[in-house]
Amino acid sequence: MDGEHGELDGRFLDALVAAVPEIERALAEAKAFTVIVREQDQAGFGTWLDRCRDGPVSGLAEGLKRDRAAVEAALELSWSTSPVEGQINRVKTLKRTMYGRAKLDLLRARVLSA
C-alpha cells in the first residue's frame, strides 16, 4: 500500500486488495471522506456523495445523504459536542464504578467532586 501502515498491516492490506480489488476503492473513498471532514470541505462532500453513489461505500454515502443537512452543518459550523461528550463519558465511568455499591447521594457527591 502507501507506507502509512506497519509492515505486517501493509502486507495484509496488499493481500486483501489482491483478493478483493474493491477494497482499494473503499479505502480510498474512506480516506477522501476523512480529508473532507478534517478540512470541513462542504463542496467536496457533495462531490464525494455523487462519486460514491455506486461503489463499495454506497451504503455509507446513502446514509449520509439522508442526513445531509446535519453533515453539512457539521462541516460548516465550528460548534462541537466534544466537551459535552467528555463530561458524559466521565459521569458514565463514575456510575459504572459505583454500580451496586452506593446510593444516589454518594454518586452525586462523587460526580460533583470529580
C-alpha atoms as a PDB file:
ATOM      1  CA  MET A   1       0.000   0.000   0.000  1.00  0.00           C
ATOM      2  CA  ASP A   2       1.209   3.568   0.548  1.00  0.00           C
ATOM      3  CA  GLY A   3       3.549   3.218   3.541  1.00  0.00           C
ATOM      4  CA  GLU A   4       1.306   4.646   6.248  1.00  0.00           C
ATOM      5  CA  HIS A   5       0.714   1.235   7.813  1.00  0.00           C
ATOM      6  CA  GLY A   6       3.151  -1.051   9.591  1.00  0.00           C
ATOM      7  CA  GLU A   7       4.911  -3.766   7.612  1.00  0.00           C
ATOM      8  CA  LEU A   8       2.552  -6.541   8.709  1.00  0.00           C
ATOM      9  CA  ASP A   9      -0.551  -4.407   8.164  1.00  0.00           C
ATOM     10  CA  GLY A  10       0.763  -3.326   4.774  1.00  0.00           C
ATOM     11  CA  ARG A  11       1.320  -6.905   3.656  1.00  0.00           C
ATOM     12  CA  PHE A  12      -2.134  -7.866   4.904  1.00  0.00           C
ATOM     13  CA  LEU A  13      -3.747  -4.970   3.017  1.00  0.00           C
ATOM     14  CA  ASP A  14      -1.816  -5.851  -0.136  1.00  0.00           C
ATOM     15  CA  ALA A  15      -3.062  -9.454   0.068  1.00  0.00           C
ATOM     16  CA  LEU A  16      -6.602  -8.271   0.786  1.00  0.00           C
ATOM     17  CA  VAL A  17      -6.611  -5.873  -2.174  1.00  0.00           C
ATOM     18  CA  ALA A  18      -5.210  -8.616  -4.414  1.00  0.00           C
ATOM     19  CA  ALA A  19      -8.053 -10.915  -3.352  1.00  0.00           C
ATOM     20  CA  VAL A  20     -10.821  -8.268  -3.413  1.00  0.00           C
ATOM     21  CA  PRO A  21      -9.908  -5.253  -5.588  1.00  0.00           C
ATOM     22  CA  GLU A  22     -12.994  -3.259  -4.479  1.00  0.00           C
ATOM     23  CA  ILE A  23     -11.406  -2.875  -1.040  1.00  0.00           C
ATOM     24  CA  GLU A  24      -8.832  -0.489  -2.500  1.00  0.00           C
ATOM     25  CA  ARG A  25     -11.595   1.803  -3.759  1.00  0.00           C
ATOM     26  CA  ALA A  26     -13.423   1.577  -0.424  1.00  0.00           C
ATOM     27  CA  LEU A  27     -10.225   2.510   1.397  1.00  0.00           C
ATOM     28  CA  ALA A  28      -9.604   5.433  -0.970  1.00  0.00           C
ATOM     29  CA  GLU A  29     -13.161   6.743  -0.510  1.00  0.00           C
ATOM     30  CA  ALA A  30     -12.915   6.409   3.274  1.00  0.00           C
ATOM     31  CA  LYS A  31      -9.657   8.383   3.243  1.00  0.00           C
ATOM     32  CA  ALA A  32     -11.234  11.016   0.978  1.00  0.00           C
ATOM     33  CA  PHE A  33     -14.149  11.374   3.402  1.00  0.00           C
ATOM     34  CA  THR A  34     -11.710  11.761   6.297  1.00  0.00           C
ATOM     35  CA  VAL A  35      -9.993  14.628   4.459  1.00  0.00           C
ATOM     36  CA  ILE A  36     -13.371  16.268   3.740  1.00  0.00           C
ATOM     37  CA  VAL A  37     -14.317  16.175   7.428  1.00  0.00           C
ATOM     38  CA  ARG A  38     -10.932  17.378   8.680  1.00  0.00           C
ATOM     39  CA  GLU A  39     -10.811  20.246   6.184  1.00  0.00           C
ATOM     40  CA  GLN A  40     -14.556  20.982   6.565  1.00  0.00           C
ATOM     41  CA  ASP A  41     -14.947  20.897   2.773  1.00  0.00           C
ATOM     42  CA  GLN A  42     -18.676  21.281   2.124  1.00  0.00           C
ATOM     43  CA  ALA A  43     -18.338  21.359  -1.684  1.00  0.00           C
ATOM     44  CA  GLY A  44     -16.125  18.296  -1.582  1.00  0.00           C
ATOM     45  CA  PHE A  45     -18.792  16.475   0.412  1.00  0.00           C
ATOM     46  CA  GLY A  46     -21.358  16.847  -2.384  1.00  0.00           C
ATOM     47  CA  THR A  47     -18.835  15.656  -4.943  1.00  0.00           C
ATOM     48  CA  TRP A  48     -17.905  12.708  -2.719  1.00  0.00           C
ATOM     49  CA  LEU A  49     -21.578  11.724  -2.334  1.00  0.00           C
ATOM     50  CA  ASP A  50     -22.061  11.720  -6.114  1.00  0.00           C
ATOM     51  CA  ARG A  51     -18.878   9.725  -6.673  1.00  0.00           C
ATOM     52  CA  CYS A  52     -19.832   7.101  -4.061  1.00  0.00           C
ATOM     53  CA  ARG A  53     -23.392   6.547  -5.273  1.00  0.00           C
ATOM     54  CA  ASP A  54     -22.365   3.261  -6.907  1.00  0.00           C
ATOM     55  CA  GLY A  55     -19.493   1.568  -5.183  1.00  0.00           C
ATOM     56  CA  PRO A  56     -18.251  -0.180  -2.084  1.00  0.00           C
ATOM     57  CA  VAL A  57     -19.242   2.629   0.298  1.00  0.00           C
ATOM     58  CA  SER A  58     -22.631   3.351  -1.283  1.00  0.00           C
ATOM     59  CA  GLY A  59     -24.427   2.347   1.936  1.00  0.00           C
ATOM     60  CA  LEU A  60     -22.439   4.866   3.945  1.00  0.00           C
ATOM     61  CA  ALA A  61     -22.974   7.534   1.287  1.00  0.00           C
ATOM     62  CA  GLU A  62     -26.718   6.855   1.217  1.00  0.00           C
ATOM     63  CA  GLY A  63     -26.960   7.152   5.000  1.00  0.00           C
ATOM     64  CA  LEU A  64     -25.021  10.420   4.968  1.00  0.00           C
ATOM     65  CA  LYS A  65     -27.194  11.694   2.127  1.00  0.00           C
ATOM     66  CA  ARG A  66     -30.338  11.050   4.201  1.00  0.00           C
ATOM     67  CA  ASP A  67     -28.785  13.140   6.966  1.00  0.00           C
ATOM     68  CA  ARG A  68     -27.141  15.626   4.595  1.00  0.00           C
ATOM     69  CA  ALA A  69     -28.345  18.758   6.400  1.00  0.00           C
ATOM     70  CA  ALA A  70     -26.727  17.645   9.657  1.00  0.00           C
ATOM     71  CA  VAL A  71     -23.472  16.641   7.941  1.00  0.00           C
ATOM     72  CA  GLU A  72     -23.262  19.947   6.067  1.00  0.00           C
ATOM     73  CA  ALA A  73     -23.973  21.847   9.286  1.00  0.00           C
ATOM     74  CA  ALA A  74     -21.151  19.941  10.983  1.00  0.00           C
ATOM     75  CA  LEU A  75     -18.814  20.840   8.118  1.00  0.00           C
ATOM     76  CA  GLU A  76     -19.890  24.487   8.080  1.00  0.00           C
ATOM     77  CA  LEU A  77     -20.114  25.340  11.778  1.00  0.00           C
ATOM     78  CA  SER A  78     -17.366  25.313  14.358  1.00  0.00           C
ATOM     79  CA  TRP A  79     -19.729  24.024  17.051  1.00  0.00           C
ATOM     80  CA  SER A  80     -18.918  20.669  18.577  1.00  0.00           C
ATOM     81  CA  THR A  81     -20.423  18.392  21.200  1.00  0.00           C
ATOM     82  CA  SER A  82     -16.987  17.094  22.182  1.00  0.00           C
ATOM     83  CA  PRO A  83     -16.818  18.888  25.565  1.00  0.00           C
ATOM     84  CA  VAL A  84     -20.281  17.620  26.478  1.00  0.00           C
ATOM     85  CA  GLU A  85     -19.442  14.089  25.321  1.00  0.00           C
ATOM     86  CA  GLY A  86     -16.350  14.161  27.523  1.00  0.00           C
ATOM     87  CA  GLN A  87     -18.436  15.065  30.567  1.00  0.00           C
ATOM     88  CA  ILE A  88     -20.992  12.365  29.752  1.00  0.00           C
ATOM     89  CA  ASN A  89     -18.230   9.749  29.483  1.00  0.00           C
ATOM     90  CA  ARG A  90     -16.776  10.894  32.816  1.00  0.00           C
ATOM     91  CA  VAL A  91     -20.149  10.593  34.575  1.00  0.00           C
ATOM     92  CA  LYS A  92     -20.858   7.193  32.994  1.00  0.00           C
ATOM     93  CA  THR A  93     -17.464   5.911  34.131  1.00  0.00           C
ATOM     94  CA  LEU A  94     -18.166   7.046  37.693  1.00  0.00           C
ATOM     95  CA  LYS A  95     -21.608   5.466  37.558  1.00  0.00           C
ATOM     96  CA  ARG A  96     -20.169   2.137  36.336  1.00  0.00           C
ATOM     97  CA  THR A  97     -17.582   2.051  39.116  1.00  0.00           C
ATOM     98  CA  MET A  98     -20.256   2.789  41.723  1.00  0.00           C
ATOM     99  CA  TYR A  99     -22.910   0.391  40.389  1.00  0.00           C
ATOM    100  CA  GLY A 100     -24.421  -1.669  43.200  1.00  0.00           C
ATOM    101  CA  ARG A 101     -22.142  -0.138  45.843  1.00  0.00           C
ATOM    102  CA  ALA A 102     -23.863   3.038  46.925  1.00  0.00           C
ATOM    103  CA  LYS A 103     -26.998   5.107  46.631  1.00  0.00           C
ATOM    104  CA  LEU A 104     -27.687   8.238  44.617  1.00  0.00           C
ATOM    105  CA  ASP A 105     -26.408  10.658  47.291  1.00  0.00           C
ATOM    106  CA  LEU A 106     -22.883   9.189  47.177  1.00  0.00           C
ATOM    107  CA  LEU A 107     -22.914   9.061  43.365  1.00  0.00           C
ATOM    108  CA  ARG A 108     -23.980  12.722  43.287  1.00  0.00           C
ATOM    109  CA  ALA A 109     -21.144  13.656  45.658  1.00  0.00           C
ATOM    110  CA  ARG A 110     -18.584  11.785  43.510  1.00  0.00           C
ATOM    111  CA  VAL A 111     -19.820  13.419  40.295  1.00  0.00           C
ATOM    112  CA  LEU A 112     -19.692  16.896  41.805  1.00  0.00           C
ATOM    113  CA  SER A 113     -16.256  16.388  43.358  1.00  0.00           C
ATOM    114  CA  ALA A 114     -14.627  14.807  40.305  1.00  0.00           C
END
